[in-house]
Amino acid sequence: TVVTEKPKLTSGTEPPVLYPNLAELENY
């Protein structure tokens, strides 16, 4: 399974530094 949605974050947590997700990679 390939995930295209961002992981859910708890309040106050900084989003992790990720490579672009697959939705953004569709025109990579």
PDB file of all heavy atoms in Angstrom:
ATOM      1  N   THR A   1       0.838  -1.191   0.000  1.00  0.00           N
ATOM      2  CA  THR A   1       0.000   0.000   0.000  1.00  0.00           C
ATOM      3  C   THR A   1       0.872   1.239   0.000  1.00  0.00           C
ATOM      4  O   THR A   1       1.824   1.339   0.748  1.00  0.00           O
ATOM      5  CB  THR A   1      -0.917   0.022   1.237  1.00  0.00           C
ATOM      6  OG1 THR A   1      -1.704  -1.157   1.225  1.00  0.00           O
ATOM      7  CG2 THR A   1      -1.822   1.248   1.222  1.00  0.00           C
ATOM      8  N   VAL A   2       0.517   2.197  -0.832  1.00  0.00           N
ATOM      9  CA  VAL A   2       1.248   3.451  -0.898  1.00  0.00           C
ATOM     10  C   VAL A   2       0.376   4.538  -0.301  1.00  0.00           C
ATOM     11  O   VAL A   2      -0.785   4.683  -0.659  1.00  0.00           O
ATOM     12  CB  VAL A   2       1.601   3.804  -2.356  1.00  0.00           C
ATOM     13  CG1 VAL A   2       2.278   5.159  -2.407  1.00  0.00           C
ATOM     14  CG2 VAL A   2       2.502   2.740  -2.934  1.00  0.00           C
ATOM     15  N   VAL A   3       0.926   5.291   0.624  1.00  0.00           N
ATOM     16  CA  VAL A   3       0.152   6.309   1.322  1.00  0.00           C
ATOM     17  C   VAL A   3       0.374   7.655   0.659  1.00  0.00           C
ATOM     18  O   VAL A   3       1.500   8.043   0.380  1.00  0.00           O
ATOM     19  CB  VAL A   3       0.583   6.381   2.798  1.00  0.00           C
ATOM     20  CG1 VAL A   3      -0.184   7.475   3.523  1.00  0.00           C
ATOM     21  CG2 VAL A   3       0.334   5.042   3.464  1.00  0.00           C
ATOM     22  N   THR A   4      -0.690   8.387   0.372  1.00  0.00           N
ATOM     23  CA  THR A   4      -0.558   9.707  -0.234  1.00  0.00           C
ATOM     24  C   THR A   4      -1.024  10.811   0.701  1.00  0.00           C
ATOM     25  O   THR A   4      -0.976  11.974   0.353  1.00  0.00           O
ATOM     26  CB  THR A   4      -1.383   9.786  -1.528  1.00  0.00           C
ATOM     27  OG1 THR A   4      -2.754   9.506  -1.222  1.00  0.00           O
ATOM     28  CG2 THR A   4      -0.875   8.804  -2.551  1.00  0.00           C
ATOM     29  N   GLU A   5      -1.506  10.457   1.900  1.00  0.00           N
ATOM     30  CA  GLU A   5      -1.950  11.483   2.826  1.00  0.00           C
ATOM     31  C   GLU A   5      -0.907  11.689   3.908  1.00  0.00           C
ATOM     32  O   GLU A   5      -0.124  10.791   4.231  1.00  0.00           O
ATOM     33  CB  GLU A   5      -3.276  11.068   3.457  1.00  0.00           C
ATOM     34  CG  GLU A   5      -3.180   9.778   4.257  1.00  0.00           C
ATOM     35  CD  GLU A   5      -4.517   9.096   4.348  1.00  0.00           C
ATOM     36  OE1 GLU A   5      -5.275   9.164   3.372  1.00  0.00           O
ATOM     37  OE2 GLU A   5      -4.795   8.512   5.397  1.00  0.00           O
ATOM     38  N   LYS A   6      -0.908  12.873   4.484  1.00  0.00           N
ATOM     39  CA  LYS A   6       0.079  13.194   5.513  1.00  0.00           C
ATOM     40  C   LYS A   6      -0.310  12.537   6.824  1.00  0.00           C
ATOM     41  O   LYS A   6      -1.492  12.409   7.136  1.00  0.00           O
ATOM     42  CB  LYS A   6       0.154  14.709   5.691  1.00  0.00           C
ATOM     43  CG  LYS A   6       0.668  15.424   4.438  1.00  0.00           C
ATOM     44  CD  LYS A   6       0.699  16.911   4.637  1.00  0.00           C
ATOM     45  CE  LYS A   6       1.177  17.618   3.364  1.00  0.00           C
ATOM     46  NZ  LYS A   6       1.166  19.079   3.526  1.00  0.00           N
ATOM     47  N   PRO A   7       0.665  12.120   7.651  1.00  0.00           N
ATOM     48  CA  PRO A   7       0.353  11.523   8.941  1.00  0.00           C
ATOM     49  C   PRO A   7      -0.301  12.536   9.861  1.00  0.00           C
ATOM     50  O   PRO A   7       0.010  13.721   9.830  1.00  0.00           O
ATOM     51  CB  PRO A   7       1.726  11.080   9.463  1.00  0.00           C
ATOM     52  CG  PRO A   7       2.696  11.937   8.751  1.00  0.00           C
ATOM     53  CD  PRO A   7       2.104  12.194   7.398  1.00  0.00           C
ATOM     54  N   LYS A   8      -1.211  12.045  10.694  1.00  0.00           N
ATOM     55  CA  LYS A   8      -1.884  12.926  11.653  1.00  0.00           C
ATOM     56  C   LYS A   8      -0.900  13.303  12.750  1.00  0.00           C
ATOM     57  O   LYS A   8      -0.125  12.491  13.232  1.00  0.00           O
ATOM     58  CB  LYS A   8      -3.095  12.211  12.237  1.00  0.00           C
ATOM     59  CG  LYS A   8      -4.180  11.956  11.201  1.00  0.00           C
ATOM     60  CD  LYS A   8      -5.380  11.288  11.829  1.00  0.00           C
ATOM     61  CE  LYS A   8      -6.460  11.051  10.777  1.00  0.00           C
ATOM     62  NZ  LYS A   8      -7.642  10.388  11.361  1.00  0.00           N
ATOM     63  N   LEU A   9      -0.965  14.572  13.155  1.00  0.00           N
ATOM     64  CA  LEU A   9      -0.039  15.077  14.151  1.00  0.00           C
ATOM     65  C   LEU A   9      -0.817  15.561  15.367  1.00  0.00           C
ATOM     66  O   LEU A   9      -1.916  16.117  15.244  1.00  0.00           O
ATOM     67  CB  LEU A   9       0.783  16.253  13.590  1.00  0.00           C
ATOM     68  CG  LEU A   9       1.596  15.947  12.326  1.00  0.00           C
ATOM     69  CD1 LEU A   9       2.176  17.235  11.784  1.00  0.00           C
ATOM     70  CD2 LEU A   9       2.694  14.954  12.634  1.00  0.00           C
ATOM     71  N   THR A  10      -0.254  15.353  16.525  1.00  0.00           N
ATOM     72  CA  THR A  10      -0.860  15.896  17.738  1.00  0.00           C
ATOM     73  C   THR A  10      -0.546  17.373  17.819  1.00  0.00           C
ATOM     74  O   THR A  10       0.453  17.854  17.258  1.00  0.00           O
ATOM     75  CB  THR A  10      -0.321  15.166  18.975  1.00  0.00           C
ATOM     76  OG1 THR A  10       1.098  15.315  19.000  1.00  0.00           O
ATOM     77  CG2 THR A  10      -0.676  13.692  18.921  1.00  0.00           C
ATOM     78  N   SER A  11      -1.384  18.127  18.526  1.00  0.00           N
ATOM     79  CA  SER A  11      -1.194  19.575  18.619  1.00  0.00           C
ATOM     80  C   SER A  11       0.145  19.888  19.253  1.00  0.00           C
ATOM     81  O   SER A  11       0.583  19.247  20.198  1.00  0.00           O
ATOM     82  CB  SER A  11      -2.331  20.192  19.440  1.00  0.00           C
ATOM     83  OG  SER A  11      -2.354  19.634  20.729  1.00  0.00           O
ATOM     84  N   GLY A  12       0.782  20.915  18.729  1.00  0.00           N
ATOM     85  CA  GLY A  12       2.067  21.327  19.272  1.00  0.00           C
ATOM     86  C   GLY A  12       3.247  20.557  18.717  1.00  0.00           C
ATOM     87  O   GLY A  12       4.375  20.853  19.057  1.00  0.00           O
ATOM     88  N   THR A  13       2.984  19.573  17.855  1.00  0.00           N
ATOM     89  CA  THR A  13       4.076  18.787  17.276  1.00  0.00           C
ATOM     90  C   THR A  13       4.467  19.366  15.930  1.00  0.00           C
ATOM     91  O   THR A  13       3.604  19.599  15.077  1.00  0.00           O
ATOM     92  CB  THR A  13       3.655  17.316  17.083  1.00  0.00           C
ATOM     93  OG1 THR A  13       3.239  16.814  18.334  1.00  0.00           O
ATOM     94  CG2 THR A  13       4.815  16.493  16.541  1.00  0.00           C
ATOM     95  N   GLU A  14       5.754  19.600  15.741  1.00  0.00           N
ATOM     96  CA  GLU A  14       6.221  20.112  14.461  1.00  0.00           C
ATOM     97  C   GLU A  14       6.126  19.023  13.401  1.00  0.00           C
ATOM     98  O   GLU A  14       6.440  17.866  13.667  1.00  0.00           O
ATOM     99  CB  GLU A  14       7.674  20.588  14.582  1.00  0.00           C
ATOM    100  CG  GLU A  14       7.845  21.835  15.419  1.00  0.00           C
ATOM    101  CD  GLU A  14       7.146  23.036  14.819  1.00  0.00           C
ATOM    102  OE1 GLU A  14       7.188  23.176  13.578  1.00  0.00           O
ATOM    103  OE2 GLU A  14       6.561  23.826  15.583  1.00  0.00           O
ATOM    104  N   PRO A  15       5.684  19.374  12.207  1.00  0.00           N
ATOM    105  CA  PRO A  15       5.608  18.358  11.159  1.00  0.00           C
ATOM    106  C   PRO A  15       6.997  17.848  10.809  1.00  0.00           C
ATOM    107  O   PRO A  15       7.959  18.621  10.775  1.00  0.00           O
ATOM    108  CB  PRO A  15       4.989  19.115   9.971  1.00  0.00           C
ATOM    109  CG  PRO A  15       5.272  20.558  10.229  1.00  0.00           C
ATOM    110  CD  PRO A  15       5.274  20.704  11.732  1.00  0.00           C
ATOM    111  N   PRO A  16       7.150  16.542  10.601  1.00  0.00           N
ATOM    112  CA  PRO A  16       8.464  15.998  10.261  1.00  0.00           C
ATOM    113  C   PRO A  16       8.914  16.457   8.887  1.00  0.00           C
ATOM    114  O   PRO A  16       8.095  16.786   8.034  1.00  0.00           O
ATOM    115  CB  PRO A  16       8.222  14.481  10.267  1.00  0.00           C
ATOM    116  CG  PRO A  16       6.771  14.337   9.968  1.00  0.00           C
ATOM    117  CD  PRO A  16       6.099  15.518  10.593  1.00  0.00           C
ATOM    118  N   VAL A  17      10.217  16.509   8.683  1.00  0.00           N
ATOM    119  CA  VAL A  17      10.750  16.859   7.375  1.00  0.00           C
ATOM    120  C   VAL A  17      10.687  15.614   6.502  1.00  0.00           C
ATOM    121  O   VAL A  17      11.358  14.623   6.767  1.00  0.00           O
ATOM    122  CB  VAL A  17      12.202  17.363   7.489  1.00  0.00           C
ATOM    123  CG1 VAL A  17      12.767  17.674   6.111  1.00  0.00           C
ATOM    124  CG2 VAL A  17      12.257  18.595   8.391  1.00  0.00           C
ATOM    125  N   LEU A  18       9.892  15.677   5.446  1.00  0.00           N
ATOM    126  CA  LEU A  18       9.695  14.519   4.575  1.00  0.00           C
ATOM    127  C   LEU A  18      10.034  14.886   3.146  1.00  0.00           C
ATOM    128  O   LEU A  18       9.984  16.060   2.760  1.00  0.00           O
ATOM    129  CB  LEU A  18       8.237  14.050   4.620  1.00  0.00           C
ATOM    130  CG  LEU A  18       7.674  13.570   5.956  1.00  0.00           C
ATOM    131  CD1 LEU A  18       6.210  13.230   5.790  1.00  0.00           C
ATOM    132  CD2 LEU A  18       8.431  12.353   6.431  1.00  0.00           C
ATOM    133  N   TYR A  19      10.326  13.884   2.358  1.00  0.00           N
ATOM    134  CA  TYR A  19      10.333  14.086   0.923  1.00  0.00           C
ATOM    135  C   TYR A  19       8.902  14.398   0.506  1.00  0.00           C
ATOM    136  O   TYR A  19       7.956  14.066   1.227  1.00  0.00           O
ATOM    137  CB  TYR A  19      10.797  12.816   0.193  1.00  0.00           C
ATOM    138  CG  TYR A  19      12.258  12.517   0.389  1.00  0.00           C
ATOM    139  CD1 TYR A  19      12.671  11.635   1.381  1.00  0.00           C
ATOM    140  CD2 TYR A  19      13.217  13.109  -0.415  1.00  0.00           C
ATOM    141  CE1 TYR A  19      14.012  11.370   1.584  1.00  0.00           C
ATOM    142  CE2 TYR A  19      14.563  12.835  -0.229  1.00  0.00           C
ATOM    143  CZ  TYR A  19      14.950  11.964   0.765  1.00  0.00           C
ATOM    144  OH  TYR A  19      16.272  11.690   0.949  1.00  0.00           O
ATOM    145  N   PRO A  20       8.669  15.012  -0.650  1.00  0.00           N
ATOM    146  CA  PRO A  20       7.290  15.275  -1.075  1.00  0.00           C
ATOM    147  C   PRO A  20       6.485  13.983  -1.086  1.00  0.00           C
ATOM    148  O   PRO A  20       6.989  12.929  -1.439  1.00  0.00           O
ATOM    149  CB  PRO A  20       7.472  15.820  -2.496  1.00  0.00           C
ATOM    150  CG  PRO A  20       8.866  16.334  -2.541  1.00  0.00           C
ATOM    151  CD  PRO A  20       9.654  15.449  -1.632  1.00  0.00           C
ATOM    152  N   ASN A  21       5.203  14.081  -0.691  1.00  0.00           N
ATOM    153  CA  ASN A  21       4.399  12.865  -0.717  1.00  0.00           C
ATOM    154  C   ASN A  21       4.043  12.505  -2.154  1.00  0.00           C
ATOM    155  O   ASN A  21       4.297  13.279  -3.093  1.00  0.00           O
ATOM    156  CB  ASN A  21       3.153  13.000   0.174  1.00  0.00           C
ATOM    157  CG  ASN A  21       2.196  14.081  -0.291  1.00  0.00           C
ATOM    158  OD1 ASN A  21       2.128  14.388  -1.483  1.00  0.00           O
ATOM    159  ND2 ASN A  21       1.467  14.664   0.643  1.00  0.00           N
ATOM    160  N   LEU A  22       3.446  11.334  -2.336  1.00  0.00           N
ATOM    161  CA  LEU A  22       3.212  10.852  -3.702  1.00  0.00           C
ATOM    162  C   LEU A  22       2.259  11.735  -4.479  1.00  0.00           C
ATOM    163  O   LEU A  22       2.346  11.830  -5.704  1.00  0.00           O
ATOM    164  CB  LEU A  22       2.691   9.413  -3.660  1.00  0.00           C
ATOM    165  CG  LEU A  22       3.752   8.366  -3.355  1.00  0.00           C
ATOM    166  CD1 LEU A  22       3.129   6.984  -3.318  1.00  0.00           C
ATOM    167  CD2 LEU A  22       4.866   8.403  -4.385  1.00  0.00           C
ATOM    168  N   ALA A  23       1.326  12.384  -3.778  1.00  0.00           N
ATOM    169  CA  ALA A  23       0.429  13.285  -4.483  1.00  0.00           C
ATOM    170  C   ALA A  23       1.215  14.410  -5.149  1.00  0.00           C
ATOM    171  O   ALA A  23       0.930  14.810  -6.273  1.00  0.00           O
ATOM    172  CB  ALA A  23      -0.603  13.857  -3.514  1.00  0.00           C
ATOM    173  N   GLU A  24       2.247  14.913  -4.430  1.00  0.00           N
ATOM    174  CA  GLU A  24       3.081  15.959  -5.007  1.00  0.00           C
ATOM    175  C   GLU A  24       4.052  15.401  -6.045  1.00  0.00           C
ATOM    176  O   GLU A  24       4.514  16.116  -6.928  1.00  0.00           O
ATOM    177  CB  GLU A  24       3.859  16.659  -3.888  1.00  0.00           C
ATOM    178  CG  GLU A  24       2.946  17.428  -2.929  1.00  0.00           C
ATOM    179  CD  GLU A  24       3.661  17.846  -1.666  1.00  0.00           C
ATOM    180  OE1 GLU A  24       4.615  17.147  -1.284  1.00  0.00           O
ATOM    181  OE2 GLU A  24       3.255  18.849  -1.069  1.00  0.00           O
ATOM    182  N   LEU A  25       4.369  14.115  -5.907  1.00  0.00           N
ATOM    183  CA  LEU A  25       5.308  13.493  -6.847  1.00  0.00           C
ATOM    184  C   LEU A  25       4.675  13.115  -8.173  1.00  0.00           C
ATOM    185  O   LEU A  25       5.367  12.661  -9.072  1.00  0.00           O
ATOM    186  CB  LEU A  25       5.909  12.227  -6.227  1.00  0.00           C
ATOM    187  CG  LEU A  25       7.170  12.406  -5.400  1.00  0.00           C
ATOM    188  CD1 LEU A  25       7.632  11.065  -4.871  1.00  0.00           C
ATOM    189  CD2 LEU A  25       8.272  13.051  -6.200  1.00  0.00           C
ATOM    190  N   GLU A  26       3.367  13.274  -8.301  1.00  0.00           N
ATOM    191  CA  GLU A  26       2.716  12.830  -9.530  1.00  0.00           C
ATOM    192  C   GLU A  26       3.214  13.587 -10.745  1.00  0.00           C
ATOM    193  O   GLU A  26       3.069  13.153 -11.876  1.00  0.00           O
ATOM    194  CB  GLU A  26       1.198  12.921  -9.399  1.00  0.00           C
ATOM    195  CG  GLU A  26       0.654  11.826  -8.494  1.00  0.00           C
ATOM    196  CD  GLU A  26      -0.861  11.788  -8.435  1.00  0.00           C
ATOM    197  OE1 GLU A  26      -1.487  12.600  -9.132  1.00  0.00           O
ATOM    198  OE2 GLU A  26      -1.393  10.952  -7.695  1.00  0.00           O
ATOM    199  N   ASN A  27       3.796  14.772 -10.538  1.00  0.00           N
ATOM    200  CA  ASN A  27       4.400  15.503 -11.650  1.00  0.00           C
ATOM    201  C   ASN A  27       5.903  15.653 -11.459  1.00  0.00           C
ATOM    202  O   ASN A  27       6.529  16.490 -12.077  1.00  0.00           O
ATOM    203  CB  ASN A  27       3.748  16.878 -11.810  1.00  0.00           C
ATOM    204  CG  ASN A  27       2.333  16.773 -12.298  1.00  0.00           C
ATOM    205  OD1 ASN A  27       2.068  16.052 -13.245  1.00  0.00           O
ATOM    206  ND2 ASN A  27       1.417  17.479 -11.645  1.00  0.00           N
ATOM    207  N   TYR A  28       6.473  14.817 -10.585  1.00  0.00           N
ATOM    208  CA  TYR A  28       7.899  14.907 -10.298  1.00  0.00           C
ATOM    209  C   TYR A  28       8.721  14.577 -11.541  1.00  0.00           C
ATOM    210  O   TYR A  28       8.494  13.587 -12.209  1.00  0.00           O
ATOM    211  CB  TYR A  28       8.241  13.939  -9.168  1.00  0.00           C
ATOM    212  CG  TYR A  28       9.699  13.900  -8.817  1.00  0.00           C
ATOM    213  CD1 TYR A  28      10.289  14.953  -8.134  1.00  0.00           C
ATOM    214  CD2 TYR A  28      10.490  12.818  -9.184  1.00  0.00           C
ATOM    215  CE1 TYR A  28      11.622  14.924  -7.802  1.00  0.00           C
ATOM    216  CE2 TYR A  28      11.833  12.788  -8.861  1.00  0.00           C
ATOM    217  CZ  TYR A  28      12.389  13.844  -8.167  1.00  0.00           C
ATOM    218  OH  TYR A  28      13.715  13.812  -7.856  1.00  0.00           O
TER     219      TYR A  28
END
